[in-house]
Each structure stands twice: as C-alpha cells, then as structure tokens.
Amino acid sequence: MTALGMSFAGLSGLAAGCGGAKAADGKIAAAAKSAEPLIPDLCMMASTDILSIDKAFADMVYNFGDARKNDLIEHIKSRKGLRELSAMKERKMGSDQYELIAIS
C-alpha cells in the first residue's frame, strides 16, 4: 500500500515581515512584533502536489483585488520568491497547473 502525501496550507493575513528574524545571538527567531497583515485571510487549500498549491497561493497574492498586495509582492520579488516555483518545475516536483474547487 502506498501512502498518499497531502499538502495543506492557508493564505491567512500575509505580511511582508512575516518570516523569521535574527535574534541578537544570530539565531533565527520569530519576530517579536509581527507586521500588520497586508492582505486579509483568503482561504485554506489542500493538494497532493506541492508545486500546484504553492503556485495557486502565489497567483492569489498577485491577483488580489487592491493595492494592499503591492508591498507583499515587492517583498516576494526582493527575495526571488518565485524562483522556488520554477526550480520545483525544473526538477519535475509537480505541476504548475491547478484547478480550485470550493468545498462548502
């Protein structure tokens, strides 16, 4: 029997400074004060394909309906955040094609 892997992720109140921060001792630590979210909670997703779910989240941020997304997109671009998607595609780690299905 083969186990089925599934990725779960939520797009919830993303902020440009939401990653880890270096503490005084140089170790990675959670930022003491989190930045205010730039966009509101959007959804929860699940997939057996890590590339398709990451691509879907990136598309949701880039297609968000107002200017609040601009700081977050600049943050993603400044860290070459979309390179992860192209690297996964090059390594055939999944598909960048997806279909969103609403479940009530």
C-alpha atoms as a PDB file:
ATOM      1  CA  MET A   1       0.000   0.000   0.000  1.00  0.00           C
ATOM      2  CA  THR A   2       1.327   3.431  -0.907  1.00  0.00           C
ATOM      3  CA  ALA A   3       0.794   6.395   1.394  1.00  0.00           C
ATOM      4  CA  LEU A   4      -0.742   9.451  -0.217  1.00  0.00           C
ATOM      5  CA  GLY A   5       1.045  12.675   0.682  1.00  0.00           C
ATOM      6  CA  MET A   6      -1.029  15.803   1.004  1.00  0.00           C
ATOM      7  CA  SER A   7      -0.003  19.430   1.430  1.00  0.00           C
ATOM      8  CA  PHE A   8      -2.184  21.750   3.462  1.00  0.00           C
ATOM      9  CA  ALA A   9      -1.713  25.478   3.532  1.00  0.00           C
ATOM     10  CA  GLY A  10      -3.640  28.559   4.453  1.00  0.00           C
ATOM     11  CA  LEU A  11      -3.390  32.019   2.972  1.00  0.00           C
ATOM     12  CA  SER A  12      -4.065  33.967   6.113  1.00  0.00           C
ATOM     13  CA  GLY A  13      -3.287  37.634   6.717  1.00  0.00           C
ATOM     14  CA  LEU A  14       0.092  37.781   4.962  1.00  0.00           C
ATOM     15  CA  ALA A  15       2.549  40.483   5.974  1.00  0.00           C
ATOM     16  CA  ALA A  16       5.846  41.488   4.372  1.00  0.00           C
ATOM     17  CA  GLY A  17       7.767  40.852   7.597  1.00  0.00           C
ATOM     18  CA  CYS A  18       6.152  37.538   8.494  1.00  0.00           C
ATOM     19  CA  GLY A  19       9.283  35.403   8.207  1.00  0.00           C
ATOM     20  CA  GLY A  20      11.790  34.651  10.914  1.00  0.00           C
ATOM     21  CA  ALA A  21      14.078  37.369  12.234  1.00  0.00           C
ATOM     22  CA  LYS A  22      17.643  37.034  13.515  1.00  0.00           C
ATOM     23  CA  ALA A  23      17.946  37.408  17.258  1.00  0.00           C
ATOM     24  CA  ALA A  24      20.875  39.242  18.859  1.00  0.00           C
ATOM     25  CA  ASP A  25      22.753  35.927  19.176  1.00  0.00           C
ATOM     26  CA  GLY A  26      22.454  35.384  15.400  1.00  0.00           C
ATOM     27  CA  LYS A  27      19.927  32.549  15.622  1.00  0.00           C
ATOM     28  CA  ILE A  28      16.699  32.618  13.665  1.00  0.00           C
ATOM     29  CA  ALA A  29      13.808  33.510  15.947  1.00  0.00           C
ATOM     30  CA  ALA A  30      10.232  34.590  15.435  1.00  0.00           C
ATOM     31  CA  ALA A  31       9.941  38.342  15.117  1.00  0.00           C
ATOM     32  CA  ALA A  32       8.968  39.867  18.474  1.00  0.00           C
ATOM     33  CA  LYS A  33       6.436  42.150  16.841  1.00  0.00           C
ATOM     34  CA  SER A  34       4.700  40.898  13.758  1.00  0.00           C
ATOM     35  CA  ALA A  35       3.933  43.297  10.926  1.00  0.00           C
ATOM     36  CA  GLU A  36       0.282  44.051  10.295  1.00  0.00           C
ATOM     37  CA  PRO A  37      -1.186  41.813   7.576  1.00  0.00           C
ATOM     38  CA  LEU A  38      -1.105  43.381   4.117  1.00  0.00           C
ATOM     39  CA  ILE A  39      -3.971  41.312   2.765  1.00  0.00           C
ATOM     40  CA  PRO A  40      -6.806  39.616   4.657  1.00  0.00           C
ATOM     41  CA  ASP A  41      -7.378  35.903   5.182  1.00  0.00           C
ATOM     42  CA  LEU A  42      -8.229  34.424   1.789  1.00  0.00           C
ATOM     43  CA  CYS A  43      -8.592  30.667   2.030  1.00  0.00           C
ATOM     44  CA  MET A  44      -7.383  27.229   3.068  1.00  0.00           C
ATOM     45  CA  MET A  45      -6.133  24.797   0.418  1.00  0.00           C
ATOM     46  CA  ALA A  46      -5.098  21.150   0.221  1.00  0.00           C
ATOM     47  CA  SER A  47      -3.318  19.267  -2.537  1.00  0.00           C
ATOM     48  CA  THR A  48      -1.213  16.203  -3.190  1.00  0.00           C
ATOM     49  CA  ASP A  49       1.006  18.384  -5.425  1.00  0.00           C
ATOM     50  CA  ILE A  50       3.327  20.822  -3.629  1.00  0.00           C
ATOM     51  CA  LEU A  51       4.066  22.858  -6.764  1.00  0.00           C
ATOM     52  CA  SER A  52       0.440  23.378  -7.733  1.00  0.00           C
ATOM     53  CA  ILE A  53      -0.557  24.523  -4.231  1.00  0.00           C
ATOM     54  CA  ASP A  54       2.385  26.955  -3.986  1.00  0.00           C
ATOM     55  CA  LYS A  55       1.594  28.293  -7.471  1.00  0.00           C
ATOM     56  CA  ALA A  56      -2.080  28.738  -6.541  1.00  0.00           C
ATOM     57  CA  PHE A  57      -1.119  30.781  -3.469  1.00  0.00           C
ATOM     58  CA  ALA A  58       1.311  32.932  -5.451  1.00  0.00           C
ATOM     59  CA  ASP A  59      -1.387  33.549  -8.076  1.00  0.00           C
ATOM     60  CA  MET A  60      -3.876  34.548  -5.363  1.00  0.00           C
ATOM     61  CA  VAL A  61      -1.456  37.124  -3.977  1.00  0.00           C
ATOM     62  CA  TYR A  62      -0.566  38.528  -7.405  1.00  0.00           C
ATOM     63  CA  ASN A  63      -4.255  38.665  -8.434  1.00  0.00           C
ATOM     64  CA  PHE A  64      -5.538  40.136  -5.154  1.00  0.00           C
ATOM     65  CA  GLY A  65      -8.014  42.913  -5.955  1.00  0.00           C
ATOM     66  CA  ASP A  66      -6.437  46.032  -4.466  1.00  0.00           C
ATOM     67  CA  ALA A  67      -3.169  47.898  -3.943  1.00  0.00           C
ATOM     68  CA  ARG A  68      -2.534  46.347  -0.492  1.00  0.00           C
ATOM     69  CA  LYS A  69      -0.828  43.486  -2.344  1.00  0.00           C
ATOM     70  CA  ASN A  70       1.956  45.704  -3.728  1.00  0.00           C
ATOM     71  CA  ASP A  71       4.183  45.685  -0.622  1.00  0.00           C
ATOM     72  CA  LEU A  72       3.849  41.918  -0.301  1.00  0.00           C
ATOM     73  CA  ILE A  73       4.659  41.399  -3.991  1.00  0.00           C
ATOM     74  CA  GLU A  74       7.714  43.657  -3.651  1.00  0.00           C
ATOM     75  CA  HIS A  75       8.799  41.576  -0.636  1.00  0.00           C
ATOM     76  CA  ILE A  76       8.394  38.348  -2.658  1.00  0.00           C
ATOM     77  CA  LYS A  77      10.316  39.785  -5.623  1.00  0.00           C
ATOM     78  CA  SER A  78      13.154  41.181  -3.481  1.00  0.00           C
ATOM     79  CA  ARG A  79      13.789  37.674  -2.136  1.00  0.00           C
ATOM     80  CA  LYS A  80      13.369  35.940  -5.517  1.00  0.00           C
ATOM     81  CA  GLY A  81      10.379  34.140  -4.036  1.00  0.00           C
ATOM     82  CA  LEU A  82       9.033  32.889  -7.367  1.00  0.00           C
ATOM     83  CA  ARG A  83      12.321  31.092  -8.119  1.00  0.00           C
ATOM     84  CA  GLU A  84      11.165  28.279  -5.820  1.00  0.00           C
ATOM     85  CA  LEU A  85       8.276  27.580  -8.180  1.00  0.00           C
ATOM     86  CA  SER A  86      10.421  27.451 -11.307  1.00  0.00           C
ATOM     87  CA  ALA A  87      13.025  25.284  -9.543  1.00  0.00           C
ATOM     88  CA  MET A  88      10.341  22.788  -8.485  1.00  0.00           C
ATOM     89  CA  LYS A  89       9.024  22.695 -12.055  1.00  0.00           C
ATOM     90  CA  GLU A  90      12.545  22.145 -13.458  1.00  0.00           C
ATOM     91  CA  ARG A  91      13.004  19.241 -11.050  1.00  0.00           C
ATOM     92  CA  LYS A  92       9.610  17.799 -12.023  1.00  0.00           C
ATOM     93  CA  MET A  93       8.375  18.057  -8.434  1.00  0.00           C
ATOM     94  CA  GLY A  94       4.805  18.678  -9.540  1.00  0.00           C
ATOM     95  CA  SER A  95       2.677  20.645 -11.935  1.00  0.00           C
ATOM     96  CA  ASP A  96       2.163  24.389 -12.110  1.00  0.00           C
ATOM     97  CA  GLN A  97      -1.357  23.754 -13.411  1.00  0.00           C
ATOM     98  CA  TYR A  98      -4.183  23.536 -10.890  1.00  0.00           C
ATOM     99  CA  GLU A  99      -7.953  23.722 -10.505  1.00  0.00           C
ATOM    100  CA  LEU A 100      -9.530  25.378  -7.482  1.00  0.00           C
ATOM    101  CA  ILE A 101     -12.587  23.553  -6.155  1.00  0.00           C
ATOM    102  CA  ALA A 102     -14.765  25.154  -3.487  1.00  0.00           C
ATOM    103  CA  ILE A 103     -15.966  22.841  -0.715  1.00  0.00           C
ATOM    104  CA  SER A 104     -18.778  24.059   1.482  1.00  0.00           C
END
